């Protein structure tokens, strides 16, 4: 069963566009949650990840970070394994 992927983003974020492009290129189904202007969701993200930037990407509920971390996982070959989780 494919992993559940959720990306928290804003519409004006270049790194969000890059993360989306990478996920789409891999054929990954994912949910996008726009946090622009949503202080409650942004605060939850800060608490959950320790980060205040977007995108923030979760795979099966586990925070993997933003675009830089997603791209690093892709280059190392680890992303495919995460996306194929039980």
PDB file of N, CA and C in Angstrom:
ATOM      1  N   UNK A   1       0.854  -1.182   0.000  1.00  0.00           N
ATOM      2  CA  UNK A   1       0.000   0.000   0.000  1.00  0.00           C
ATOM      3  C   UNK A   1       0.897   1.241   0.000  1.00  0.00           C
ATOM      4  N   UNK A   2       0.619   2.204  -0.862  1.00  0.00           N
ATOM      5  CA  UNK A   2       1.441   3.413  -0.903  1.00  0.00           C
ATOM      6  C   UNK A   2       1.301   4.232   0.378  1.00  0.00           C
ATOM      7  N   UNK A   3       2.345   4.933   0.690  1.00  0.00           N
ATOM      8  CA  UNK A   3       2.357   5.793   1.867  1.00  0.00           C
ATOM      9  C   UNK A   3       1.415   6.974   1.661  1.00  0.00           C
ATOM     10  N   UNK A   4       0.926   7.521   2.756  1.00  0.00           N
ATOM     11  CA  UNK A   4       0.126   8.747   2.696  1.00  0.00           C
ATOM     12  C   UNK A   4       1.085   9.927   2.808  1.00  0.00           C
ATOM     13  N   UNK A   5       1.025  10.813   1.836  1.00  0.00           N
ATOM     14  CA  UNK A   5       1.913  11.967   1.791  1.00  0.00           C
ATOM     15  C   UNK A   5       1.069  13.232   1.914  1.00  0.00           C
ATOM     16  N   UNK A   6       1.503  14.103   2.815  1.00  0.00           N
ATOM     17  CA  UNK A   6       0.831  15.385   3.024  1.00  0.00           C
ATOM     18  C   UNK A   6       1.881  16.481   2.956  1.00  0.00           C
ATOM     19  N   UNK A   7       1.579  17.518   2.166  1.00  0.00           N
ATOM     20  CA  UNK A   7       2.486  18.657   2.062  1.00  0.00           C
ATOM     21  C   UNK A   7       1.747  19.919   2.499  1.00  0.00           C
ATOM     22  N   UNK A   8       2.284  20.563   3.521  1.00  0.00           N
ATOM     23  CA  UNK A   8       1.782  21.855   3.963  1.00  0.00           C
ATOM     24  C   UNK A   8       2.546  22.909   3.187  1.00  0.00           C
ATOM     25  N   UNK A   9       1.821  23.865   2.604  1.00  0.00           N
ATOM     26  CA  UNK A   9       2.441  24.809   1.687  1.00  0.00           C
ATOM     27  C   UNK A   9       1.733  26.151   1.717  1.00  0.00           C
ATOM     28  N   UNK A  10       2.330  27.094   1.005  1.00  0.00           N
ATOM     29  CA  UNK A  10       1.682  28.362   0.691  1.00  0.00           C
ATOM     30  C   UNK A  10       1.745  28.534  -0.819  1.00  0.00           C
ATOM     31  N   UNK A  11       0.848  29.323  -1.396  1.00  0.00           N
ATOM     32  CA  UNK A  11       0.819  29.447  -2.850  1.00  0.00           C
ATOM     33  C   UNK A  11       1.978  30.246  -3.430  1.00  0.00           C
ATOM     34  N   UNK A  12       2.680  31.001  -2.629  1.00  0.00           N
ATOM     35  CA  UNK A  12       3.746  31.884  -3.130  1.00  0.00           C
ATOM     36  C   UNK A  12       5.140  31.376  -2.773  1.00  0.00           C
ATOM     37  N   UNK A  13       5.267  30.110  -2.503  1.00  0.00           N
ATOM     38  CA  UNK A  13       6.533  29.528  -2.051  1.00  0.00           C
ATOM     39  C   UNK A  13       7.202  28.746  -3.184  1.00  0.00           C
ATOM     40  N   UNK A  14       8.378  29.203  -3.601  1.00  0.00           N
ATOM     41  CA  UNK A  14       9.114  28.524  -4.663  1.00  0.00           C
ATOM     42  C   UNK A  14       9.521  27.106  -4.304  1.00  0.00           C
ATOM     43  N   UNK A  15       9.911  26.880  -3.047  1.00  0.00           N
ATOM     44  CA  UNK A  15      10.295  25.530  -2.628  1.00  0.00           C
ATOM     45  C   UNK A  15       9.091  24.598  -2.609  1.00  0.00           C
ATOM     46  N   UNK A  16       7.902  25.148  -2.350  1.00  0.00           N
ATOM     47  CA  UNK A  16       6.681  24.337  -2.408  1.00  0.00           C
ATOM     48  C   UNK A  16       6.440  23.870  -3.837  1.00  0.00           C
ATOM     49  N   UNK A  17       6.664  24.752  -4.797  1.00  0.00           N
ATOM     50  CA  UNK A  17       6.509  24.399  -6.207  1.00  0.00           C
ATOM     51  C   UNK A  17       7.488  23.290  -6.579  1.00  0.00           C
ATOM     52  N   UNK A  18       8.741  23.408  -6.125  1.00  0.00           N
ATOM     53  CA  UNK A  18       9.745  22.378  -6.425  1.00  0.00           C
ATOM     54  C   UNK A  18       9.379  21.037  -5.795  1.00  0.00           C
ATOM     55  N   UNK A  19       8.907  21.070  -4.540  1.00  0.00           N
ATOM     56  CA  UNK A  19       8.515  19.825  -3.863  1.00  0.00           C
ATOM     57  C   UNK A  19       7.350  19.173  -4.592  1.00  0.00           C
ATOM     58  N   UNK A  20       6.370  19.977  -4.973  1.00  0.00           N
ATOM     59  CA  UNK A  20       5.217  19.439  -5.702  1.00  0.00           C
ATOM     60  C   UNK A  20       5.674  18.834  -7.019  1.00  0.00           C
ATOM     61  N   UNK A  21       6.547  19.521  -7.725  1.00  0.00           N
ATOM     62  CA  UNK A  21       7.044  19.031  -9.010  1.00  0.00           C
ATOM     63  C   UNK A  21       7.739  17.680  -8.832  1.00  0.00           C
ATOM     64  N   UNK A  22       8.548  17.540  -7.782  1.00  0.00           N
ATOM     65  CA  UNK A  22       9.253  16.281  -7.545  1.00  0.00           C
ATOM     66  C   UNK A  22       8.257  15.155  -7.256  1.00  0.00           C
ATOM     67  N   UNK A  23       7.280  15.426  -6.399  1.00  0.00           N
ATOM     68  CA  UNK A  23       6.291  14.398  -6.054  1.00  0.00           C
ATOM     69  C   UNK A  23       5.461  14.007  -7.278  1.00  0.00           C
ATOM     70  N   UNK A  24       5.044  14.980  -8.049  1.00  0.00           N
ATOM     71  CA  UNK A  24       4.261  14.694  -9.261  1.00  0.00           C
ATOM     72  C   UNK A  24       5.090  13.871 -10.249  1.00  0.00           C
ATOM     73  N   UNK A  25       6.376  14.217 -10.387  1.00  0.00           N
ATOM     74  CA  UNK A  25       7.226  13.482 -11.336  1.00  0.00           C
ATOM     75  C   UNK A  25       7.385  12.018 -10.943  1.00  0.00           C
ATOM     76  N   UNK A  26       7.222  11.721  -9.662  1.00  0.00           N
ATOM     77  CA  UNK A  26       7.321  10.340  -9.188  1.00  0.00           C
ATOM     78  C   UNK A  26       5.968   9.636  -9.220  1.00  0.00           C
ATOM     79  N   UNK A  27       4.920  10.347  -9.600  1.00  0.00           N
ATOM     80  CA  UNK A  27       3.588   9.751  -9.644  1.00  0.00           C
ATOM     81  C   UNK A  27       2.977   9.555  -8.275  1.00  0.00           C
ATOM     82  N   UNK A  28       3.402  10.353  -7.318  1.00  0.00           N
ATOM     83  CA  UNK A  28       2.942  10.212  -5.937  1.00  0.00           C
ATOM     84  C   UNK A  28       1.633  10.968  -5.738  1.00  0.00           C
ATOM     85  N   UNK A  29       0.643  10.286  -5.185  1.00  0.00           N
ATOM     86  CA  UNK A  29      -0.585  10.959  -4.767  1.00  0.00           C
ATOM     87  C   UNK A  29      -0.295  11.616  -3.425  1.00  0.00           C
ATOM     88  N   UNK A  30      -0.696  12.866  -3.287  1.00  0.00           N
ATOM     89  CA  UNK A  30      -0.447  13.557  -2.021  1.00  0.00           C
ATOM     90  C   UNK A  30      -1.510  14.611  -1.784  1.00  0.00           C
ATOM     91  N   UNK A  31      -1.704  14.924  -0.524  1.00  0.00           N
ATOM     92  CA  UNK A  31      -2.627  15.983  -0.128  1.00  0.00           C
ATOM     93  C   UNK A  31      -1.830  17.256   0.073  1.00  0.00           C
ATOM     94  N   UNK A  32      -2.386  18.360  -0.380  1.00  0.00           N
ATOM     95  CA  UNK A  32      -1.774  19.664  -0.171  1.00  0.00           C
ATOM     96  C   UNK A  32      -2.655  20.466   0.782  1.00  0.00           C
ATOM     97  N   UNK A  33      -2.030  21.028   1.786  1.00  0.00           N
ATOM     98  CA  UNK A  33      -2.761  21.857   2.734  1.00  0.00           C
ATOM     99  C   UNK A  33      -2.145  23.243   2.714  1.00  0.00           C
ATOM    100  N   UNK A  34      -2.937  24.221   2.288  1.00  0.00           N
ATOM    101  CA  UNK A  34      -2.499  25.606   2.199  1.00  0.00           C
ATOM    102  C   UNK A  34      -2.580  26.234   3.589  1.00  0.00           C
ATOM    103  N   UNK A  35      -1.449  26.691   4.097  1.00  0.00           N
ATOM    104  CA  UNK A  35      -1.417  27.287   5.429  1.00  0.00           C
ATOM    105  C   UNK A  35      -1.271  28.807   5.381  1.00  0.00           C
ATOM    106  N   UNK A  36      -1.369  29.391   4.199  1.00  0.00           N
ATOM    107  CA  UNK A  36      -1.282  30.848   4.082  1.00  0.00           C
ATOM    108  C   UNK A  36      -2.440  31.482   4.845  1.00  0.00           C
ATOM    109  N   UNK A  37      -2.117  32.361   5.754  1.00  0.00           N
ATOM    110  CA  UNK A  37      -3.152  33.049   6.515  1.00  0.00           C
ATOM    111  C   UNK A  37      -3.819  32.205   7.576  1.00  0.00           C
ATOM    112  N   UNK A  38      -3.331  30.999   7.815  1.00  0.00           N
ATOM    113  CA  UNK A  38      -3.924  30.118   8.827  1.00  0.00           C
ATOM    114  C   UNK A  38      -2.951  29.991   9.990  1.00  0.00           C
ATOM    115  N   UNK A  39      -3.033  30.939  10.901  1.00  0.00           N
ATOM    116  CA  UNK A  39      -2.092  30.983  12.024  1.00  0.00           C
ATOM    117  C   UNK A  39      -2.152  29.731  12.887  1.00  0.00           C
ATOM    118  N   UNK A  40      -3.333  29.145  13.025  1.00  0.00           N
ATOM    119  CA  UNK A  40      -3.481  27.941  13.843  1.00  0.00           C
ATOM    120  C   UNK A  40      -2.696  26.770  13.243  1.00  0.00           C
ATOM    121  N   UNK A  41      -2.842  26.566  11.935  1.00  0.00           N
ATOM    122  CA  UNK A  41      -2.098  25.476  11.279  1.00  0.00           C
ATOM    123  C   UNK A  41      -0.596  25.759  11.287  1.00  0.00           C
ATOM    124  N   UNK A  42      -0.208  27.011  11.087  1.00  0.00           N
ATOM    125  CA  UNK A  42       1.216  27.363  11.097  1.00  0.00           C
ATOM    126  C   UNK A  42       1.811  27.091  12.480  1.00  0.00           C
ATOM    127  N   UNK A  43       1.077  27.415  13.527  1.00  0.00           N
ATOM    128  CA  UNK A  43       1.561  27.155  14.885  1.00  0.00           C
ATOM    129  C   UNK A  43       1.685  25.658  15.125  1.00  0.00           C
ATOM    130  N   UNK A  44       0.696  24.875  14.651  1.00  0.00           N
ATOM    131  CA  UNK A  44       0.774  23.423  14.791  1.00  0.00           C
ATOM    132  C   UNK A  44       2.013  22.891  14.077  1.00  0.00           C
ATOM    133  N   UNK A  45       2.293  23.388  12.864  1.00  0.00           N
ATOM    134  CA  UNK A  45       3.479  22.960  12.124  1.00  0.00           C
ATOM    135  C   UNK A  45       4.749  23.265  12.903  1.00  0.00           C
ATOM    136  N   UNK A  46       4.829  24.459  13.496  1.00  0.00           N
ATOM    137  CA  UNK A  46       6.017  24.814  14.296  1.00  0.00           C
ATOM    138  C   UNK A  46       6.188  23.844  15.457  1.00  0.00           C
ATOM    139  N   UNK A  47       5.080  23.516  16.105  1.00  0.00           N
ATOM    140  CA  UNK A  47       5.150  22.583  17.234  1.00  0.00           C
ATOM    141  C   UNK A  47       5.509  21.173  16.774  1.00  0.00           C
ATOM    142  N   UNK A  48       4.935  20.739  15.660  1.00  0.00           N
ATOM    143  CA  UNK A  48       5.129  19.369  15.173  1.00  0.00           C
ATOM    144  C   UNK A  48       6.508  19.151  14.555  1.00  0.00           C
ATOM    145  N   UNK A  49       7.070  20.191  13.937  1.00  0.00           N
ATOM    146  CA  UNK A  49       8.309  20.009  13.183  1.00  0.00           C
ATOM    147  C   UNK A  49       9.497  20.791  13.733  1.00  0.00           C
ATOM    148  N   UNK A  50       9.231  21.793  14.548  1.00  0.00           N
ATOM    149  CA  UNK A  50      10.303  22.663  15.014  1.00  0.00           C
ATOM    150  C   UNK A  50      10.735  23.664  13.955  1.00  0.00           C
ATOM    151  N   UNK A  51      10.012  23.711  12.849  1.00  0.00           N
ATOM    152  CA  UNK A  51      10.347  24.599  11.731  1.00  0.00           C
ATOM    153  C   UNK A  51       9.230  25.623  11.530  1.00  0.00           C
ATOM    154  N   UNK A  52       9.594  26.753  10.965  1.00  0.00           N
ATOM    155  CA  UNK A  52       8.586  27.769  10.663  1.00  0.00           C
ATOM    156  C   UNK A  52       8.453  28.010   9.164  1.00  0.00           C
ATOM    157  N   UNK A  53       9.099  27.171   8.365  1.00  0.00           N
ATOM    158  CA  UNK A  53       9.088  27.342   6.915  1.00  0.00           C
ATOM    159  C   UNK A  53       8.193  26.310   6.236  1.00  0.00           C
ATOM    160  N   UNK A  54       7.837  26.599   5.003  1.00  0.00           N
ATOM    161  CA  UNK A  54       7.120  25.653   4.161  1.00  0.00           C
ATOM    162  C   UNK A  54       7.957  25.429   2.919  1.00  0.00           C
ATOM    163  N   UNK A  55       7.799  24.296   2.267  1.00  0.00           N
ATOM    164  CA  UNK A  55       6.843  23.251   2.589  1.00  0.00           C
ATOM    165  C   UNK A  55       7.307  22.429   3.790  1.00  0.00           C
ATOM    166  N   UNK A  56       6.361  21.784   4.408  1.00  0.00           N
ATOM    167  CA  UNK A  56       6.636  20.756   5.393  1.00  0.00           C
ATOM    168  C   UNK A  56       5.927  19.508   4.894  1.00  0.00           C
ATOM    169  N   UNK A  57       6.679  18.439   4.759  1.00  0.00           N
ATOM    170  CA  UNK A  57       6.168  17.223   4.125  1.00  0.00           C
ATOM    171  C   UNK A  57       6.155  16.093   5.147  1.00  0.00           C
ATOM    172  N   UNK A  58       5.033  15.396   5.172  1.00  0.00           N
ATOM    173  CA  UNK A  58       4.864  14.252   6.066  1.00  0.00           C
ATOM    174  C   UNK A  58       4.604  13.021   5.218  1.00  0.00           C
ATOM    175  N   UNK A  59       5.276  11.937   5.569  1.00  0.00           N
ATOM    176  CA  UNK A  59       5.042  10.645   4.922  1.00  0.00           C
ATOM    177  C   UNK A  59       4.583   9.683   6.007  1.00  0.00           C
ATOM    178  N   UNK A  60       3.369   9.198   5.841  1.00  0.00           N
ATOM    179  CA  UNK A  60       2.733   8.343   6.864  1.00  0.00           C
ATOM    180  C   UNK A  60       2.815   8.965   8.252  1.00  0.00           C
ATOM    181  N   UNK A  61       2.547  10.262   8.332  1.00  0.00           N
ATOM    182  CA  UNK A  61       2.505  10.958   9.609  1.00  0.00           C
ATOM    183  C   UNK A  61       3.848  11.369  10.170  1.00  0.00           C
ATOM    184  N   UNK A  62       4.922  10.994   9.492  1.00  0.00           N
ATOM    185  CA  UNK A  62       6.276  11.331   9.968  1.00  0.00           C
ATOM    186  C   UNK A  62       6.802  12.533   9.192  1.00  0.00           C
ATOM    187  N   UNK A  63       7.232  13.536   9.915  1.00  0.00           N
ATOM    188  CA  UNK A  63       7.794  14.717   9.271  1.00  0.00           C
ATOM    189  C   UNK A  63       9.140  14.361   8.656  1.00  0.00           C
ATOM    190  N   UNK A  64       9.284  14.656   7.366  1.00  0.00           N
ATOM    191  CA  UNK A  64      10.575  14.424   6.712  1.00  0.00           C
ATOM    192  C   UNK A  64      11.271  15.745   6.399  1.00  0.00           C
ATOM    193  N   UNK A  65      10.606  16.864   6.678  1.00  0.00           N
ATOM    194  CA  UNK A  65      11.201  18.177   6.448  1.00  0.00           C
ATOM    195  C   UNK A  65      10.602  18.850   5.234  1.00  0.00           C
ATOM    196  N   UNK A  66      11.408  19.678   4.595  1.00  0.00           N
ATOM    197  CA  UNK A  66      10.949  20.454   3.453  1.00  0.00           C
ATOM    198  C   UNK A  66      11.520  19.942   2.147  1.00  0.00           C
ATOM    199  N   UNK A  67      11.594  20.839   1.166  1.00  0.00           N
ATOM    200  CA  UNK A  67      12.068  20.438  -0.156  1.00  0.00           C
ATOM    201  C   UNK A  67      13.504  19.921  -0.117  1.00  0.00           C
ATOM    202  N   UNK A  68      14.371  20.584   0.622  1.00  0.00           N
ATOM    203  CA  UNK A  68      15.777  20.170   0.672  1.00  0.00           C
ATOM    204  C   UNK A  68      15.895  18.730   1.148  1.00  0.00           C
ATOM    205  N   UNK A  69      15.169  18.386   2.184  1.00  0.00           N
ATOM    206  CA  UNK A  69      15.217  17.028   2.724  1.00  0.00           C
ATOM    207  C   UNK A  69      14.566  16.031   1.763  1.00  0.00           C
ATOM    208  N   UNK A  70      13.450  16.435   1.147  1.00  0.00           N
ATOM    209  CA  UNK A  70      12.786  15.576   0.163  1.00  0.00           C
ATOM    210  C   UNK A  70      13.725  15.276  -0.995  1.00  0.00           C
ATOM    211  N   UNK A  71      14.387  16.282  -1.499  1.00  0.00           N
ATOM    212  CA  UNK A  71      15.318  16.118  -2.609  1.00  0.00           C
ATOM    213  C   UNK A  71      16.513  15.252  -2.203  1.00  0.00           C
ATOM    214  N   UNK A  72      16.993  15.430  -0.989  1.00  0.00           N
ATOM    215  CA  UNK A  72      18.108  14.611  -0.488  1.00  0.00           C
ATOM    216  C   UNK A  72      17.695  13.143  -0.433  1.00  0.00           C
ATOM    217  N   UNK A  73      16.475  12.870   0.042  1.00  0.00           N
ATOM    218  CA  UNK A  73      15.974  11.494   0.077  1.00  0.00           C
ATOM    219  C   UNK A  73      15.866  10.920  -1.334  1.00  0.00           C
ATOM    220  N   UNK A  74      15.446  11.725  -2.282  1.00  0.00           N
ATOM    221  CA  UNK A  74      15.339  11.279  -3.669  1.00  0.00           C
ATOM    222  C   UNK A  74      16.716  10.951  -4.228  1.00  0.00           C
ATOM    223  N   UNK A  75      17.675  11.833  -4.032  1.00  0.00           N
ATOM    224  CA  UNK A  75      19.021  11.606  -4.577  1.00  0.00           C
ATOM    225  C   UNK A  75      19.700  10.393  -3.961  1.00  0.00           C
ATOM    226  N   UNK A  76      19.416  10.118  -2.683  1.00  0.00           N
ATOM    227  CA  UNK A  76      20.054   8.980  -2.016  1.00  0.00           C
ATOM    228  C   UNK A  76      19.344   7.659  -2.315  1.00  0.00           C
ATOM    229  N   UNK A  77      18.163   7.736  -2.943  1.00  0.00           N
ATOM    230  CA  UNK A  77      17.400   6.523  -3.230  1.00  0.00           C
ATOM    231  C   UNK A  77      16.496   6.086  -2.098  1.00  0.00           C
ATOM    232  N   UNK A  78      16.441   6.837  -1.011  1.00  0.00           N
ATOM    233  CA  UNK A  78      15.641   6.457   0.140  1.00  0.00           C
ATOM    234  C   UNK A  78      14.161   6.821  -0.002  1.00  0.00           C
ATOM    235  N   UNK A  79      13.858   7.794  -0.856  1.00  0.00           N
ATOM    236  CA  UNK A  79      12.474   8.258  -0.968  1.00  0.00           C
ATOM    237  C   UNK A  79      11.547   7.157  -1.439  1.00  0.00           C
ATOM    238  N   UNK A  80      11.947   6.389  -2.425  1.00  0.00           N
ATOM    239  CA  UNK A  80      11.090   5.322  -2.949  1.00  0.00           C
ATOM    240  C   UNK A  80      10.685   4.341  -1.860  1.00  0.00           C
ATOM    241  N   UNK A  81      11.616   3.982  -0.999  1.00  0.00           N
ATOM    242  CA  UNK A  81      11.311   3.049   0.088  1.00  0.00           C
ATOM    243  C   UNK A  81      10.284   3.658   1.044  1.00  0.00           C
ATOM    244  N   UNK A  82      10.421   4.941   1.351  1.00  0.00           N
ATOM    245  CA  UNK A  82       9.460   5.601   2.236  1.00  0.00           C
ATOM    246  C   UNK A  82       8.078   5.661   1.608  1.00  0.00           C
ATOM    247  N   UNK A  83       8.040   5.850   0.315  1.00  0.00           N
ATOM    248  CA  UNK A  83       6.761   5.955  -0.379  1.00  0.00           C
ATOM    249  C   UNK A  83       6.073   4.618  -0.561  1.00  0.00           C
ATOM    250  N   UNK A  84       6.785   3.524  -0.373  1.00  0.00           N
ATOM    251  CA  UNK A  84       6.210   2.181  -0.498  1.00  0.00           C
ATOM    252  C   UNK A  84       5.891   1.554   0.842  1.00  0.00           C
ATOM    253  N   UNK A  85       5.758   2.346   1.881  1.00  0.00           N
ATOM    254  CA  UNK A  85       5.555   1.796   3.226  1.00  0.00           C
ATOM    255  C   UNK A  85       4.311   0.931   3.294  1.00  0.00           C
ATOM    256  N   UNK A  86       4.310   0.109   4.331  1.00  0.00           N
ATOM    257  CA  UNK A  86       3.201  -0.842   4.518  1.00  0.00           C
ATOM    258  C   UNK A  86       1.908  -0.105   4.585  1.00  0.00           C
TER     259      UNK A  86
END
